[in-house]
Protein backbone atom coordinates (compact mmCIF):
# COMPACT_ATOMS: atom_id res chain seq x y z
CA MET A 1 -139.00 -53.73 -118.53
CA VAL A 2 -140.63 -50.33 -118.73
CA GLY A 3 -143.74 -50.10 -120.86
CA LYS A 4 -144.81 -53.70 -120.44
CA ASN A 5 -148.25 -54.89 -119.42
CA VAL A 6 -148.53 -56.44 -115.96
CA LEU A 7 -151.56 -58.43 -114.82
CA ILE A 8 -151.87 -58.11 -111.04
CA ILE A 9 -154.04 -60.77 -109.48
CA GLY A 10 -155.31 -59.41 -106.17
CA ALA A 11 -154.59 -55.75 -106.88
CA SER A 12 -157.08 -54.57 -104.26
CA GLY A 13 -155.16 -56.04 -101.32
CA ASP A 14 -152.65 -54.08 -99.28
CA ILE A 15 -149.67 -55.69 -101.00
CA GLY A 16 -151.29 -55.84 -104.44
CA SER A 17 -152.19 -52.16 -104.41
CA ALA A 18 -148.72 -51.16 -103.20
CA ILE A 19 -147.20 -53.15 -106.07
CA ALA A 20 -149.60 -51.51 -108.53
CA LEU A 21 -148.67 -47.99 -107.46
CA LYS A 22 -144.94 -48.77 -107.55
CA LEU A 23 -145.12 -50.31 -111.01
CA VAL A 24 -146.99 -47.30 -112.37
CA GLU A 25 -144.14 -45.10 -111.08
CA GLU A 26 -141.74 -47.24 -113.11
CA GLY A 27 -143.73 -46.89 -116.32
CA TYR A 28 -145.62 -50.17 -116.50
CA GLN A 29 -149.20 -50.50 -117.74
CA LEU A 30 -151.51 -52.49 -115.53
CA LEU A 31 -154.39 -54.93 -115.72
CA LEU A 32 -155.96 -55.06 -112.27
CA HIS A 33 -157.91 -57.98 -110.84
CA TYR A 34 -159.99 -57.74 -107.66
CA ASN A 35 -162.78 -59.67 -105.98
CA HIS A 36 -164.77 -57.52 -103.54
CA ASN A 37 -162.79 -54.34 -102.92
CA LEU A 38 -163.66 -52.09 -105.85
CA THR A 39 -163.10 -49.09 -103.58
CA ARG A 40 -159.38 -49.85 -103.40
CA ILE A 41 -159.19 -50.23 -107.18
CA ASN A 42 -160.82 -46.83 -107.57
CA GLU A 43 -158.33 -45.38 -105.10
CA ILE A 44 -155.47 -46.69 -107.21
CA MET A 45 -156.99 -45.21 -110.34
CA ASP A 46 -157.45 -41.85 -108.63
CA LYS A 47 -153.73 -41.73 -107.82
CA VAL A 48 -152.34 -42.54 -111.25
CA ASP A 49 -152.64 -41.48 -114.87
CA LYS A 50 -155.77 -43.22 -116.15
CA GLU A 51 -153.93 -44.36 -119.27
CA THR A 52 -151.66 -46.57 -117.16
CA ILE A 53 -154.59 -48.76 -116.10
CA LEU A 54 -155.57 -50.73 -119.19
CA ALA A 55 -158.47 -52.61 -117.60
CA THR A 56 -159.96 -53.91 -114.35
CA TYR A 57 -161.53 -57.31 -113.80
CA GLN A 58 -163.74 -58.65 -111.02
CA ALA A 59 -163.47 -62.37 -110.30
CA ASP A 60 -163.85 -64.70 -107.32
CA LEU A 61 -160.87 -67.02 -107.75
CA SER A 62 -162.54 -69.72 -105.69
CA LEU A 63 -165.05 -70.20 -108.54
CA ASP A 64 -163.94 -71.89 -111.77
CA LYS A 65 -166.50 -69.93 -113.77
CA ASP A 66 -165.08 -66.63 -112.54
CA VAL A 67 -161.53 -67.65 -113.40
CA THR A 68 -162.72 -68.59 -116.89
CA LYS A 69 -164.54 -65.27 -117.21
CA LEU A 70 -161.40 -63.39 -116.18
CA LEU A 71 -159.25 -65.18 -118.74
CA MET A 72 -161.74 -64.66 -121.53
CA ASN A 73 -162.04 -60.94 -120.78
CA VAL A 74 -158.33 -60.10 -120.91
CA ALA A 75 -157.90 -58.63 -124.38
CA TYR A 76 -154.40 -57.16 -123.93
CA PRO A 77 -151.03 -58.87 -124.26
CA VAL A 78 -149.74 -59.93 -120.85
CA ASP A 79 -145.98 -59.59 -120.37
CA CYS A 80 -145.85 -60.23 -116.63
CA ILE A 81 -148.17 -61.75 -114.04
CA VAL A 82 -148.06 -60.96 -110.33
CA PHE A 83 -150.10 -63.11 -107.95
CA ALA A 84 -150.79 -61.04 -104.83
CA SER A 85 -154.24 -62.38 -104.01
CA GLY A 86 -155.17 -64.71 -101.22
CA ILE A 87 -156.95 -65.18 -97.94
CA ALA A 88 -155.68 -66.54 -94.67
CA HIS A 89 -157.18 -69.37 -92.64
CA TYR A 90 -156.82 -69.69 -88.89
CA GLY A 91 -157.89 -72.61 -86.72
CA LEU A 92 -156.97 -76.07 -85.54
CA PHE A 93 -156.21 -78.56 -88.28
CA GLN A 94 -158.75 -81.08 -86.99
CA ASP A 95 -161.48 -78.43 -87.11
CA THR A 96 -160.78 -77.47 -90.74
CA THR A 97 -163.59 -78.48 -93.08
CA GLU A 98 -163.28 -79.95 -96.54
CA LYS A 99 -165.12 -76.91 -97.91
CA GLU A 100 -162.53 -74.58 -96.39
CA MET A 101 -159.74 -76.73 -97.80
CA GLU A 102 -161.24 -76.68 -101.30
CA LYS A 103 -161.66 -72.90 -101.23
CA MET A 104 -158.07 -72.29 -100.17
CA LEU A 105 -156.73 -74.74 -102.75
CA SER A 106 -158.80 -73.07 -105.47
CA ILE A 107 -157.64 -69.54 -104.65
CA HIS A 108 -153.96 -70.21 -103.96
CA VAL A 109 -153.16 -73.22 -106.13
CA LYS A 110 -155.74 -73.96 -108.82
CA ALA A 111 -156.41 -70.37 -109.93
CA PRO A 112 -152.71 -69.47 -110.38
CA TRP A 113 -152.25 -72.77 -112.22
CA LEU A 114 -155.08 -72.02 -114.65
CA ILE A 115 -154.08 -68.39 -115.16
CA VAL A 116 -150.43 -69.20 -115.89
CA GLN A 117 -151.44 -72.07 -118.14
CA HIS A 118 -153.62 -69.68 -120.15
CA PHE A 119 -150.98 -66.97 -120.74
CA LEU A 120 -147.86 -69.12 -120.89
CA PRO A 121 -148.11 -70.27 -124.54
CA GLU A 122 -147.94 -66.69 -125.83
CA MET A 123 -145.03 -65.90 -123.50
CA ILE A 124 -143.20 -68.96 -124.81
CA ARG A 125 -143.93 -67.93 -128.39
CA ARG A 126 -142.42 -64.51 -127.74
CA LYS A 127 -139.55 -66.00 -125.67
CA THR A 128 -140.15 -63.51 -122.88
CA GLY A 129 -142.28 -63.11 -119.78
CA LYS A 130 -142.18 -62.92 -116.00
CA ILE A 131 -144.32 -64.74 -113.47
CA MET A 132 -144.17 -63.85 -109.79
CA LEU A 133 -146.06 -65.10 -106.76
CA ILE A 134 -146.34 -63.54 -103.31
CA THR A 135 -146.15 -66.58 -101.04
CA SER A 136 -145.43 -66.61 -97.29
CA ILE A 137 -142.86 -67.49 -94.67
CA TRP A 138 -145.34 -70.14 -93.52
CA GLY A 139 -144.98 -71.91 -96.85
CA GLU A 140 -141.39 -72.62 -95.85
CA VAL A 141 -141.48 -73.21 -92.10
CA GLY A 142 -145.16 -73.90 -91.39
CA ALA A 143 -147.34 -72.38 -88.68
CA SER A 144 -149.42 -73.90 -85.92
CA ASN A 145 -153.11 -73.09 -86.34
CA GLU A 146 -152.40 -72.22 -89.97
CA VAL A 147 -151.81 -75.68 -91.41
CA LEU A 148 -154.09 -75.07 -94.39
CA TYR A 149 -152.54 -71.70 -95.23
CA SER A 150 -149.05 -73.14 -94.81
CA THR A 151 -149.98 -76.01 -97.11
CA VAL A 152 -151.16 -73.87 -100.01
CA LYS A 153 -148.27 -71.43 -99.69
CA GLY A 154 -145.85 -74.35 -99.67
CA ALA A 155 -147.52 -75.56 -102.86
CA GLN A 156 -146.97 -72.13 -104.42
CA ASN A 157 -143.27 -72.29 -103.58
CA SER A 158 -142.96 -75.72 -105.19
CA PHE A 159 -144.91 -74.50 -108.22
CA VAL A 160 -142.45 -71.64 -108.69
CA LYS A 161 -139.34 -73.81 -108.40
CA ALA A 162 -140.65 -76.54 -110.70
CA LEU A 163 -142.16 -74.23 -113.34
CA ALA A 164 -138.93 -72.22 -113.45
CA LYS A 165 -137.00 -75.31 -114.51
CA GLU A 166 -139.53 -76.09 -117.21
CA VAL A 167 -139.92 -72.66 -118.81
CA GLY A 168 -136.50 -71.13 -118.22
CA PRO A 169 -135.19 -72.40 -121.59
CA SER A 170 -138.05 -70.45 -123.21
CA GLY A 171 -136.94 -67.17 -121.66
CA ILE A 172 -139.66 -67.05 -118.99
CA LEU A 173 -138.55 -65.99 -115.50
CA VAL A 174 -140.48 -67.38 -112.51
CA ASN A 175 -139.87 -66.24 -108.94
CA ALA A 176 -141.63 -65.64 -105.64
CA ILE A 177 -141.43 -63.27 -102.72
CA SER A 178 -141.90 -64.92 -99.33
CA PRO A 179 -142.90 -62.18 -96.86
CA GLY A 180 -142.62 -62.56 -93.13
CA PHE A 181 -144.76 -60.43 -90.83
CA ILE A 182 -146.21 -57.60 -92.91
CA ALA A 183 -148.50 -54.88 -91.59
CA THR A 184 -151.58 -55.72 -93.65
CA LYS A 185 -155.28 -56.24 -93.10
CA MET A 186 -154.61 -59.99 -93.08
CA ASN A 187 -152.66 -59.60 -89.84
CA SER A 188 -154.97 -57.04 -88.27
CA GLN A 189 -156.85 -59.72 -86.32
CA LEU A 190 -153.85 -60.06 -84.00
CA SER A 191 -153.95 -58.28 -80.68
CA VAL A 192 -151.43 -55.58 -79.84
CA GLU A 193 -149.74 -58.03 -77.46
CA GLU A 194 -149.50 -60.73 -80.14
CA THR A 195 -148.14 -58.23 -82.66
CA ASN A 196 -145.52 -56.96 -80.23
CA THR A 197 -144.45 -60.51 -79.39
CA ILE A 198 -143.81 -61.21 -83.07
CA ILE A 199 -141.97 -57.93 -83.62
CA ASP A 200 -139.74 -58.71 -80.63
CA GLU A 201 -138.61 -61.83 -82.51
CA ILE A 202 -137.71 -59.91 -85.68
CA PRO A 203 -134.07 -58.73 -85.74
CA LEU A 204 -135.01 -55.52 -87.55
CA THR A 205 -137.56 -54.87 -84.74
CA ARG A 206 -140.44 -53.85 -86.98
CA ALA A 207 -143.14 -55.29 -89.15
CA GLY A 208 -142.59 -55.18 -92.88
CA THR A 209 -144.75 -52.89 -94.99
CA PRO A 210 -146.57 -53.42 -98.28
CA LYS A 211 -144.11 -50.91 -99.75
CA ASP A 212 -141.22 -53.18 -98.76
CA VAL A 213 -142.81 -55.99 -100.77
CA ALA A 214 -143.57 -53.68 -103.68
CA GLU A 215 -139.92 -52.57 -103.94
CA VAL A 216 -138.73 -56.17 -104.28
CA ALA A 217 -141.54 -57.00 -106.71
CA CYS A 218 -140.55 -54.07 -108.90
CA PHE A 219 -136.93 -55.23 -108.87
CA LEU A 220 -137.92 -58.77 -109.88
CA LEU A 221 -139.92 -57.44 -112.82
CA SER A 222 -137.08 -55.20 -113.97
CA ASP A 223 -134.21 -56.02 -116.31
CA ALA A 224 -131.88 -55.79 -113.30
CA SER A 225 -133.10 -59.23 -112.15
CA SER A 226 -132.57 -61.03 -115.45
CA TYR A 227 -130.49 -63.82 -113.87
CA ILE A 228 -132.70 -64.41 -110.83
CA HIS A 229 -134.84 -67.43 -111.60
CA GLY A 230 -136.68 -70.10 -109.62
CA GLU A 231 -136.03 -68.25 -106.38
CA ILE A 232 -138.13 -67.73 -103.27
CA ILE A 233 -136.94 -64.32 -102.05
CA ARG A 234 -137.31 -64.10 -98.29
CA LEU A 235 -138.48 -60.71 -97.08
CA ASN A 236 -138.78 -61.05 -93.34
CA GLY A 237 -136.42 -58.68 -91.55
CA GLY A 238 -134.31 -61.64 -90.46
CA TRP A 239 -137.21 -63.36 -88.64
């Protein structure tokens, strides 16, 4: 709904920033979270009316103290939450360390859990609110050499489906977008040959773009999606 406040977790990423710019076009007011990339946040602010950005927050979601700091610093009502943050992890399962596992679980599972838990009571009181996660195709089908990433994205999908059943009667909509191969910094480590091999497998014969994700995100936050609930929307070009 136009005019509502949207908290974007991971607004400095390629997908997060694309969602931010699209939502501003549609009249939303934004609360932007980032970790390291303040430059991207400044770029967003340079492109939009300053009044549309209510606040920015720096927080490392792998640290409990930073998550707590973020939650304590948000002084505006939050009508919608978009989780677009995250990091990938590549490597053989047997070489994955416990430290790496804990970091990925904190960023992708624990932090969203704590953030939603913090804002949910007020949403329930008002009988309105939208929660959306950007997950991944690997959360559904799994990926070799990305067992840890697949695990946490699968957890996000289950979180969405279960939470939707619990809070739907209170008027809260919970959904996810599950992107396939998107042209982002996260996939930039692939060689040209590896990228072309993947694109050859995609029926639409191209990588998705952050804008593609942003368009669907905007739809899910709009009144037009008022009966879409507990869904994992696949955005993968038919891959």
